Amino acid sequence: MEPIPLPSYVHYELLLQLLERQTSFAVGQKPVVREQVQELIITLRKALAQQKHLEQSCQQANLPIEYRWSLNKVSFEKEDPRDVFPLVPKPEVGN
């Protein structure tokens, strides 16, 4: 069975740090906006908790999990790495 793709925890951490450190500071003393930022932070924390609950369910059901960093799954066995890393020149096709 193919592993179940889930977001890497770093995605949650990045968003939470941005909201807590920069967005909250930027809204300053604007109570309505600050409250919305706090609600968003709470929602992200709940999403992370729900993902962890899903992971536990998958483990109990013996379903493999794969953490993803992006939507693009790179497989060097199927793709030419020069397509992924365009700075590596492709050989010229002979005449």
PDB file of N, CA and C in Angstrom:
ATOM      1  N   MET A   1       0.843  -1.185   0.000  1.00  0.00           N
ATOM      2  CA  MET A   1       0.000   0.000   0.000  1.00  0.00           C
ATOM      3  C   MET A   1       0.886   1.245   0.000  1.00  0.00           C
ATOM      4  N   GLU A   2       0.474   2.214  -0.789  1.00  0.00           N
ATOM      5  CA  GLU A   2       1.186   3.492  -0.840  1.00  0.00           C
ATOM      6  C   GLU A   2       1.055   4.219   0.492  1.00  0.00           C
ATOM      7  N   PRO A   3       2.120   4.884   0.938  1.00  0.00           N
ATOM      8  CA  PRO A   3       2.028   5.663   2.176  1.00  0.00           C
ATOM      9  C   PRO A   3       1.016   6.805   2.041  1.00  0.00           C
ATOM     10  N   ILE A   4       0.376   7.114   3.130  1.00  0.00           N
ATOM     11  CA  ILE A   4      -0.594   8.205   3.160  1.00  0.00           C
ATOM     12  C   ILE A   4       0.179   9.522   3.309  1.00  0.00           C
ATOM     13  N   PRO A   5       0.038  10.443   2.335  1.00  0.00           N
ATOM     14  CA  PRO A   5       0.783  11.698   2.423  1.00  0.00           C
ATOM     15  C   PRO A   5       0.161  12.652   3.445  1.00  0.00           C
ATOM     16  N   LEU A   6       1.009  13.179   4.321  1.00  0.00           N
ATOM     17  CA  LEU A   6       0.581  14.164   5.316  1.00  0.00           C
ATOM     18  C   LEU A   6       1.574  15.323   5.327  1.00  0.00           C
ATOM     19  N   PRO A   7       1.107  16.520   5.683  1.00  0.00           N
ATOM     20  CA  PRO A   7       2.043  17.649   5.751  1.00  0.00           C
ATOM     21  C   PRO A   7       3.108  17.412   6.815  1.00  0.00           C
ATOM     22  N   SER A   8       4.300  17.843   6.508  1.00  0.00           N
ATOM     23  CA  SER A   8       5.376  17.804   7.491  1.00  0.00           C
ATOM     24  C   SER A   8       5.049  18.802   8.602  1.00  0.00           C
ATOM     25  N   TYR A   9       5.469  18.489   9.812  1.00  0.00           N
ATOM     26  CA  TYR A   9       5.191  19.378  10.944  1.00  0.00           C
ATOM     27  C   TYR A   9       5.797  20.762  10.764  1.00  0.00           C
ATOM     28  N   VAL A  10       6.844  20.846   9.957  1.00  0.00           N
ATOM     29  CA  VAL A  10       7.505  22.136   9.773  1.00  0.00           C
ATOM     30  C   VAL A  10       6.545  23.158   9.157  1.00  0.00           C
ATOM     31  N   HIS A  11       5.580  22.697   8.390  1.00  0.00           N
ATOM     32  CA  HIS A  11       4.611  23.630   7.799  1.00  0.00           C
ATOM     33  C   HIS A  11       3.785  24.314   8.886  1.00  0.00           C
ATOM     34  N   TYR A  12       3.322  23.541   9.842  1.00  0.00           N
ATOM     35  CA  TYR A  12       2.573  24.125  10.958  1.00  0.00           C
ATOM     36  C   TYR A  12       3.461  25.069  11.760  1.00  0.00           C
ATOM     37  N   GLU A  13       4.688  24.609  12.029  1.00  0.00           N
ATOM     38  CA  GLU A  13       5.602  25.398  12.850  1.00  0.00           C
ATOM     39  C   GLU A  13       5.923  26.739  12.192  1.00  0.00           C
ATOM     40  N   LEU A  14       6.147  26.723  10.900  1.00  0.00           N
ATOM     41  CA  LEU A  14       6.440  27.954  10.179  1.00  0.00           C
ATOM     42  C   LEU A  14       5.275  28.936  10.270  1.00  0.00           C
ATOM     43  N   LEU A  15       4.079  28.456  10.004  1.00  0.00           N
ATOM     44  CA  LEU A  15       2.900  29.322  10.072  1.00  0.00           C
ATOM     45  C   LEU A  15       2.674  29.870  11.481  1.00  0.00           C
ATOM     46  N   LEU A  16       2.819  29.007  12.470  1.00  0.00           N
ATOM     47  CA  LEU A  16       2.615  29.449  13.852  1.00  0.00           C
ATOM     48  C   LEU A  16       3.646  30.488  14.265  1.00  0.00           C
ATOM     49  N   GLN A  17       4.899  30.273  13.905  1.00  0.00           N
ATOM     50  CA  GLN A  17       5.930  31.248  14.261  1.00  0.00           C
ATOM     51  C   GLN A  17       5.687  32.581  13.565  1.00  0.00           C
ATOM     52  N   LEU A  18       5.298  32.527  12.301  1.00  0.00           N
ATOM     53  CA  LEU A  18       5.016  33.760  11.565  1.00  0.00           C
ATOM     54  C   LEU A  18       3.873  34.529  12.222  1.00  0.00           C
ATOM     55  N   LEU A  19       2.799  33.819  12.536  1.00  0.00           N
ATOM     56  CA  LEU A  19       1.637  34.474  13.147  1.00  0.00           C
ATOM     57  C   LEU A  19       1.938  34.993  14.551  1.00  0.00           C
ATOM     58  N   GLU A  20       2.642  34.194  15.339  1.00  0.00           N
ATOM     59  CA  GLU A  20       2.916  34.588  16.723  1.00  0.00           C
ATOM     60  C   GLU A  20       3.965  35.676  16.838  1.00  0.00           C
ATOM     61  N   ARG A  21       4.987  35.611  16.005  1.00  0.00           N
ATOM     62  CA  ARG A  21       6.102  36.550  16.141  1.00  0.00           C
ATOM     63  C   ARG A  21       5.940  37.823  15.315  1.00  0.00           C
ATOM     64  N   GLN A  22       5.394  37.684  14.122  1.00  0.00           N
ATOM     65  CA  GLN A  22       5.365  38.839  13.234  1.00  0.00           C
ATOM     66  C   GLN A  22       3.970  39.417  13.049  1.00  0.00           C
ATOM     67  N   THR A  23       3.002  38.562  12.746  1.00  0.00           N
ATOM     68  CA  THR A  23       1.652  39.065  12.500  1.00  0.00           C
ATOM     69  C   THR A  23       1.063  39.680  13.756  1.00  0.00           C
ATOM     70  N   SER A  24       1.173  38.986  14.880  1.00  0.00           N
ATOM     71  CA  SER A  24       0.644  39.523  16.145  1.00  0.00           C
ATOM     72  C   SER A  24       1.279  40.868  16.480  1.00  0.00           C
ATOM     73  N   PHE A  25       2.577  40.976  16.259  1.00  0.00           N
ATOM     74  CA  PHE A  25       3.288  42.226  16.526  1.00  0.00           C
ATOM     75  C   PHE A  25       2.804  43.324  15.585  1.00  0.00           C
ATOM     76  N   ALA A  26       2.598  42.971  14.307  1.00  0.00           N
ATOM     77  CA  ALA A  26       2.215  43.959  13.306  1.00  0.00           C
ATOM     78  C   ALA A  26       0.823  44.534  13.550  1.00  0.00           C
ATOM     79  N   VAL A  27      -0.099  43.721  14.073  1.00  0.00           N
ATOM     80  CA  VAL A  27      -1.460  44.242  14.305  1.00  0.00           C
ATOM     81  C   VAL A  27      -1.524  45.086  15.562  1.00  0.00           C
ATOM     82  N   GLY A  28      -0.511  44.939  16.417  1.00  0.00           N
ATOM     83  CA  GLY A  28      -0.384  45.805  17.593  1.00  0.00           C
ATOM     84  C   GLY A  28      -1.633  45.914  18.437  1.00  0.00           C
ATOM     85  N   GLN A  29      -2.127  47.118  18.566  1.00  0.00           N
ATOM     86  CA  GLN A  29      -3.245  47.406  19.468  1.00  0.00           C
ATOM     87  C   GLN A  29      -4.593  47.421  18.758  1.00  0.00           C
ATOM     88  N   LYS A  30      -4.712  46.759  17.645  1.00  0.00           N
ATOM     89  CA  LYS A  30      -5.993  46.675  16.934  1.00  0.00           C
ATOM     90  C   LYS A  30      -6.714  45.429  17.426  1.00  0.00           C
ATOM     91  N   PRO A  31      -7.577  45.561  18.428  1.00  0.00           N
ATOM     92  CA  PRO A  31      -8.156  44.391  19.105  1.00  0.00           C
ATOM     93  C   PRO A  31      -8.928  43.436  18.189  1.00  0.00           C
ATOM     94  N   VAL A  32      -9.663  43.960  17.238  1.00  0.00           N
ATOM     95  CA  VAL A  32     -10.461  43.078  16.371  1.00  0.00           C
ATOM     96  C   VAL A  32      -9.547  42.213  15.516  1.00  0.00           C
ATOM     97  N   VAL A  33      -8.548  42.826  14.921  1.00  0.00           N
ATOM     98  CA  VAL A  33      -7.618  42.083  14.072  1.00  0.00           C
ATOM     99  C   VAL A  33      -6.769  41.139  14.921  1.00  0.00           C
ATOM    100  N   ARG A  34      -6.325  41.603  16.063  1.00  0.00           N
ATOM    101  CA  ARG A  34      -5.507  40.767  16.961  1.00  0.00           C
ATOM    102  C   ARG A  34      -6.294  39.523  17.385  1.00  0.00           C
ATOM    103  N   GLU A  35      -7.579  39.684  17.658  1.00  0.00           N
ATOM    104  CA  GLU A  35      -8.432  38.546  18.031  1.00  0.00           C
ATOM    105  C   GLU A  35      -8.531  37.549  16.877  1.00  0.00           C
ATOM    106  N   GLN A  36      -8.637  38.044  15.642  1.00  0.00           N
ATOM    107  CA  GLN A  36      -8.700  37.151  14.485  1.00  0.00           C
ATOM    108  C   GLN A  36      -7.392  36.382  14.318  1.00  0.00           C
ATOM    109  N   VAL A  37      -6.279  37.046  14.555  1.00  0.00           N
ATOM    110  CA  VAL A  37      -4.977  36.368  14.474  1.00  0.00           C
ATOM    111  C   VAL A  37      -4.910  35.278  15.543  1.00  0.00           C
ATOM    112  N   GLN A  38      -5.359  35.575  16.747  1.00  0.00           N
ATOM    113  CA  GLN A  38      -5.351  34.578  17.818  1.00  0.00           C
ATOM    114  C   GLN A  38      -6.235  33.382  17.475  1.00  0.00           C
ATOM    115  N   GLU A  39      -7.392  33.649  16.860  1.00  0.00           N
ATOM    116  CA  GLU A  39      -8.281  32.555  16.441  1.00  0.00           C
ATOM    117  C   GLU A  39      -7.598  31.689  15.382  1.00  0.00           C
ATOM    118  N   LEU A  40      -6.872  32.322  14.475  1.00  0.00           N
ATOM    119  CA  LEU A  40      -6.157  31.576  13.443  1.00  0.00           C
ATOM    120  C   LEU A  40      -5.066  30.702  14.059  1.00  0.00           C
ATOM    121  N   ILE A  41      -4.362  31.229  15.038  1.00  0.00           N
ATOM    122  CA  ILE A  41      -3.332  30.457  15.745  1.00  0.00           C
ATOM    123  C   ILE A  41      -3.962  29.247  16.425  1.00  0.00           C
ATOM    124  N   ILE A  42      -5.075  29.448  17.082  1.00  0.00           N
ATOM    125  CA  ILE A  42      -5.785  28.347  17.753  1.00  0.00           C
ATOM    126  C   ILE A  42      -6.223  27.299  16.735  1.00  0.00           C
ATOM    127  N   THR A  43      -6.733  27.749  15.587  1.00  0.00           N
ATOM    128  CA  THR A  43      -7.180  26.829  14.539  1.00  0.00           C
ATOM    129  C   THR A  43      -6.020  25.981  14.022  1.00  0.00           C
ATOM    130  N   LEU A  44      -4.858  26.609  13.819  1.00  0.00           N
ATOM    131  CA  LEU A  44      -3.686  25.855  13.356  1.00  0.00           C
ATOM    132  C   LEU A  44      -3.232  24.833  14.393  1.00  0.00           C
ATOM    133  N   ARG A  45      -3.271  25.214  15.664  1.00  0.00           N
ATOM    134  CA  ARG A  45      -2.900  24.263  16.721  1.00  0.00           C
ATOM    135  C   ARG A  45      -3.878  23.080  16.747  1.00  0.00           C
ATOM    136  N   LYS A  46      -5.161  23.367  16.535  1.00  0.00           N
ATOM    137  CA  LYS A  46      -6.159  22.291  16.473  1.00  0.00           C
ATOM    138  C   LYS A  46      -5.905  21.388  15.265  1.00  0.00           C
ATOM    139  N   ALA A  47      -5.550  21.985  14.129  1.00  0.00           N
ATOM    140  CA  ALA A  47      -5.271  21.199  12.924  1.00  0.00           C
ATOM    141  C   ALA A  47      -4.092  20.261  13.158  1.00  0.00           C
ATOM    142  N   LEU A  48      -3.059  20.756  13.814  1.00  0.00           N
ATOM    143  CA  LEU A  48      -1.907  19.909  14.118  1.00  0.00           C
ATOM    144  C   LEU A  48      -2.310  18.770  15.058  1.00  0.00           C
ATOM    145  N   ALA A  49      -3.122  19.079  16.055  1.00  0.00           N
ATOM    146  CA  ALA A  49      -3.593  18.039  16.980  1.00  0.00           C
ATOM    147  C   ALA A  49      -4.444  17.006  16.239  1.00  0.00           C
ATOM    148  N   GLN A  50      -5.276  17.463  15.305  1.00  0.00           N
ATOM    149  CA  GLN A  50      -6.099  16.532  14.530  1.00  0.00           C
ATOM    150  C   GLN A  50      -5.233  15.655  13.635  1.00  0.00           C
ATOM    151  N   GLN A  51      -4.173  16.233  13.071  1.00  0.00           N
ATOM    152  CA  GLN A  51      -3.269  15.426  12.248  1.00  0.00           C
ATOM    153  C   GLN A  51      -2.605  14.354  13.096  1.00  0.00           C
ATOM    154  N   LYS A  52      -2.175  14.710  14.300  1.00  0.00           N
ATOM    155  CA  LYS A  52      -1.546  13.719  15.179  1.00  0.00           C
ATOM    156  C   LYS A  52      -2.536  12.604  15.535  1.00  0.00           C
ATOM    157  N   HIS A  53      -3.794  12.963  15.723  1.00  0.00           N
ATOM    158  CA  HIS A  53      -4.829  11.961  15.998  1.00  0.00           C
ATOM    159  C   HIS A  53      -4.993  11.036  14.788  1.00  0.00           C
ATOM    160  N   LEU A  54      -4.990  11.615  13.594  1.00  0.00           N
ATOM    161  CA  LEU A  54      -5.071  10.818  12.374  1.00  0.00           C
ATOM    162  C   LEU A  54      -3.878   9.875  12.256  1.00  0.00           C
ATOM    163  N   GLU A  55      -2.687  10.368  12.588  1.00  0.00           N
ATOM    164  CA  GLU A  55      -1.493   9.528  12.544  1.00  0.00           C
ATOM    165  C   GLU A  55      -1.613   8.340  13.495  1.00  0.00           C
ATOM    166  N   GLN A  56      -2.152   8.573  14.679  1.00  0.00           N
ATOM    167  CA  GLN A  56      -2.346   7.483  15.639  1.00  0.00           C
ATOM    168  C   GLN A  56      -3.312   6.453  15.082  1.00  0.00           C
ATOM    169  N   SER A  57      -4.383   6.924  14.431  1.00  0.00           N
ATOM    170  CA  SER A  57      -5.353   6.003  13.828  1.00  0.00           C
ATOM    171  C   SER A  57      -4.702   5.183  12.723  1.00  0.00           C
ATOM    172  N   CYS A  58      -3.851   5.832  11.928  1.00  0.00           N
ATOM    173  CA  CYS A  58      -3.154   5.120  10.856  1.00  0.00           C
ATOM    174  C   CYS A  58      -2.200   4.075  11.435  1.00  0.00           C
ATOM    175  N   GLN A  59      -1.489   4.435  12.486  1.00  0.00           N
ATOM    176  CA  GLN A  59      -0.571   3.482  13.118  1.00  0.00           C
ATOM    177  C   GLN A  59      -1.329   2.277  13.652  1.00  0.00           C
ATOM    178  N   GLN A  60      -2.469   2.512  14.283  1.00  0.00           N
ATOM    179  CA  GLN A  60      -3.260   1.409  14.816  1.00  0.00           C
ATOM    180  C   GLN A  60      -3.789   0.513  13.709  1.00  0.00           C
ATOM    181  N   ALA A  61      -4.045   1.098  12.533  1.00  0.00           N
ATOM    182  CA  ALA A  61      -4.545   0.334  11.397  1.00  0.00           C
ATOM    183  C   ALA A  61      -3.404  -0.185  10.512  1.00  0.00           C
ATOM    184  N   ASN A  62      -2.156   0.004  10.969  1.00  0.00           N
ATOM    185  CA  ASN A  62      -0.967  -0.417  10.211  1.00  0.00           C
ATOM    186  C   ASN A  62      -0.907   0.193   8.814  1.00  0.00           C
ATOM    187  N   LEU A  63      -1.291   1.467   8.713  1.00  0.00           N
ATOM    188  CA  LEU A  63      -1.222   2.186   7.450  1.00  0.00           C
ATOM    189  C   LEU A  63       0.037   3.055   7.448  1.00  0.00           C
ATOM    190  N   PRO A  64       0.849   2.945   6.411  1.00  0.00           N
ATOM    191  CA  PRO A  64       2.076   3.747   6.367  1.00  0.00           C
ATOM    192  C   PRO A  64       1.772   5.228   6.113  1.00  0.00           C
ATOM    193  N   ILE A  65       2.632   6.081   6.674  1.00  0.00           N
ATOM    194  CA  ILE A  65       2.495   7.540   6.541  1.00  0.00           C
ATOM    195  C   ILE A  65       3.775   8.070   5.909  1.00  0.00           C
ATOM    196  N   GLU A  66       3.610   9.074   5.071  1.00  0.00           N
ATOM    197  CA  GLU A  66       4.761   9.754   4.478  1.00  0.00           C
ATOM    198  C   GLU A  66       4.554  11.257   4.651  1.00  0.00           C
ATOM    199  N   TYR A  67       5.514  11.917   5.317  1.00  0.00           N
ATOM    200  CA  TYR A  67       5.415  13.353   5.508  1.00  0.00           C
ATOM    201  C   TYR A  67       5.917  14.056   4.263  1.00  0.00           C
ATOM    202  N   ARG A  68       5.138  15.006   3.792  1.00  0.00           N
ATOM    203  CA  ARG A  68       5.477  15.724   2.565  1.00  0.00           C
ATOM    204  C   ARG A  68       5.874  17.157   2.871  1.00  0.00           C
ATOM    205  N   TRP A  69       6.848  17.640   2.110  1.00  0.00           N
ATOM    206  CA  TRP A  69       7.302  19.027   2.210  1.00  0.00           C
ATOM    207  C   TRP A  69       6.670  19.884   1.134  1.00  0.00           C
ATOM    208  N   SER A  70       6.158  19.236   0.088  1.00  0.00           N
ATOM    209  CA  SER A  70       5.525  19.980  -1.000  1.00  0.00           C
ATOM    210  C   SER A  70       4.529  19.061  -1.695  1.00  0.00           C
ATOM    211  N   LEU A  71       3.846  19.607  -2.679  1.00  0.00           N
ATOM    212  CA  LEU A  71       2.910  18.801  -3.458  1.00  0.00           C
ATOM    213  C   LEU A  71       3.633  17.972  -4.510  1.00  0.00           C
ATOM    214  N   ASN A  72       4.871  18.344  -4.802  1.00  0.00           N
ATOM    215  CA  ASN A  72       5.652  17.668  -5.830  1.00  0.00           C
ATOM    216  C   ASN A  72       6.433  16.524  -5.219  1.00  0.00           C
ATOM    217  N   LYS A  73       6.159  15.338  -5.694  1.00  0.00           N
ATOM    218  CA  LYS A  73       6.905  14.172  -5.233  1.00  0.00           C
ATOM    219  C   LYS A  73       7.974  13.879  -6.268  1.00  0.00           C
ATOM    220  N   VAL A  74       9.214  14.007  -5.870  1.00  0.00           N
ATOM    221  CA  VAL A  74      10.323  13.803  -6.787  1.00  0.00           C
ATOM    222  C   VAL A  74      10.783  12.361  -6.688  1.00  0.00           C
ATOM    223  N   SER A  75      10.798  11.694  -7.812  1.00  0.00           N
ATOM    224  CA  SER A  75      11.308  10.327  -7.873  1.00  0.00           C
ATOM    225  C   SER A  75      12.416  10.299  -8.914  1.00  0.00           C
ATOM    226  N   PHE A  76      13.652  10.158  -8.461  1.00  0.00           N
ATOM    227  CA  PHE A  76      14.772  10.162  -9.376  1.00  0.00           C
ATOM    228  C   PHE A  76      14.839   8.890 -10.210  1.00  0.00           C
ATOM    229  N   GLU A  77      14.143   7.854  -9.791  1.00  0.00           N
ATOM    230  CA  GLU A  77      14.136   6.634 -10.574  1.00  0.00           C
ATOM    231  C   GLU A  77      13.315   6.812 -11.848  1.00  0.00           C
ATOM    232  N   LYS A  78      12.289   7.630 -11.792  1.00  0.00           N
ATOM    233  CA  LYS A  78      11.391   7.801 -12.924  1.00  0.00           C
ATOM    234  C   LYS A  78      11.699   9.058 -13.721  1.00  0.00           C
ATOM    235  N   GLU A  79      12.355  10.034 -13.114  1.00  0.00           N
ATOM    236  CA  GLU A  79      12.604  11.307 -13.773  1.00  0.00           C
ATOM    237  C   GLU A  79      14.094  11.516 -13.969  1.00  0.00           C
ATOM    238  N   ASP A  80      14.401  12.261 -14.992  1.00  0.00           N
ATOM    239  CA  ASP A  80      15.777  12.662 -15.218  1.00  0.00           C
ATOM    240  C   ASP A  80      16.092  13.783 -14.234  1.00  0.00           C
ATOM    241  N   PRO A  81      17.118  13.628 -13.374  1.00  0.00           N
ATOM    242  CA  PRO A  81      17.410  14.665 -12.380  1.00  0.00           C
ATOM    243  C   PRO A  81      17.706  16.019 -13.007  1.00  0.00           C
ATOM    244  N   ARG A  82      18.083  16.040 -14.282  1.00  0.00           N
ATOM    245  CA  ARG A  82      18.339  17.321 -14.938  1.00  0.00           C
ATOM    246  C   ARG A  82      17.043  18.076 -15.186  1.00  0.00           C
ATOM    247  N   ASP A  83      15.888  17.373 -15.164  1.00  0.00           N
ATOM    248  CA  ASP A  83      14.597  18.054 -15.254  1.00  0.00           C
ATOM    249  C   ASP A  83      14.248  18.720 -13.933  1.00  0.00           C
ATOM    250  N   VAL A  84      14.717  18.133 -12.831  1.00  0.00           N
ATOM    251  CA  VAL A  84      14.451  18.674 -11.502  1.00  0.00           C
ATOM    252  C   VAL A  84      15.444  19.783 -11.173  1.00  0.00           C
ATOM    253  N   PHE A  85      16.707  19.597 -11.576  1.00  0.00           N
ATOM    254  CA  PHE A  85      17.762  20.569 -11.318  1.00  0.00           C
ATOM    255  C   PHE A  85      18.228  21.124 -12.666  1.00  0.00           C
ATOM    256  N   PRO A  86      17.577  22.159 -13.174  1.00  0.00           N
ATOM    257  CA  PRO A  86      17.849  22.621 -14.534  1.00  0.00           C
ATOM    258  C   PRO A  86      19.249  23.229 -14.711  1.00  0.00           C
ATOM    259  N   LEU A  87      20.003  23.464 -13.660  1.00  0.00           N
ATOM    260  CA  LEU A  87      21.331  24.019 -13.801  1.00  0.00           C
ATOM    261  C   LEU A  87      22.345  22.995 -14.286  1.00  0.00           C
ATOM    262  N   VAL A  88      21.970  21.718 -14.190  1.00  0.00           N
ATOM    263  CA  VAL A  88      22.842  20.659 -14.694  1.00  0.00           C
ATOM    264  C   VAL A  88      22.559  20.528 -16.187  1.00  0.00           C
ATOM    265  N   PRO A  89      23.567  20.795 -17.051  1.00  0.00           N
ATOM    266  CA  PRO A  89      23.290  20.772 -18.491  1.00  0.00           C
ATOM    267  C   PRO A  89      22.973  19.369 -18.987  1.00  0.00           C
ATOM    268  N   LYS A  90      22.019  19.315 -19.911  1.00  0.00           N
ATOM    269  CA  LYS A  90      21.687  18.051 -20.574  1.00  0.00           C
ATOM    270  C   LYS A  90      22.637  17.858 -21.750  1.00  0.00           C
ATOM    271  N   PRO A  91      23.023  16.625 -22.020  1.00  0.00           N
ATOM    272  CA  PRO A  91      23.907  16.401 -23.160  1.00  0.00           C
ATOM    273  C   PRO A  91      23.182  16.722 -24.465  1.00  0.00           C
ATOM    274  N   GLU A  92      23.936  17.216 -25.430  1.00  0.00           N
ATOM    275  CA  GLU A  92      23.378  17.514 -26.747  1.00  0.00           C
ATOM    276  C   GLU A  92      23.025  16.200 -27.438  1.00  0.00           C
ATOM    277  N   VAL A  93      21.912  16.195 -28.158  1.00  0.00           N
ATOM    278  CA  VAL A  93      21.514  15.021 -28.913  1.00  0.00           C
ATOM    279  C   VAL A  93      22.296  15.039 -30.224  1.00  0.00           C
ATOM    280  N   GLY A  94      22.938  13.913 -30.544  1.00  0.00           N
ATOM    281  CA  GLY A  94      23.776  13.825 -31.753  1.00  0.00           C
ATOM    282  C   GLY A  94      22.967  13.914 -33.028  1.00  0.00           C
ATOM    283  N   ASN A  95      23.649  14.330 -34.115  1.00  0.00           N
ATOM    284  CA  ASN A  95      22.988  14.449 -35.431  1.00  0.00           C
ATOM    285  C   ASN A  95      22.805  13.106 -36.035  1.00  0.00           C
TER     286      ASN A  95
END
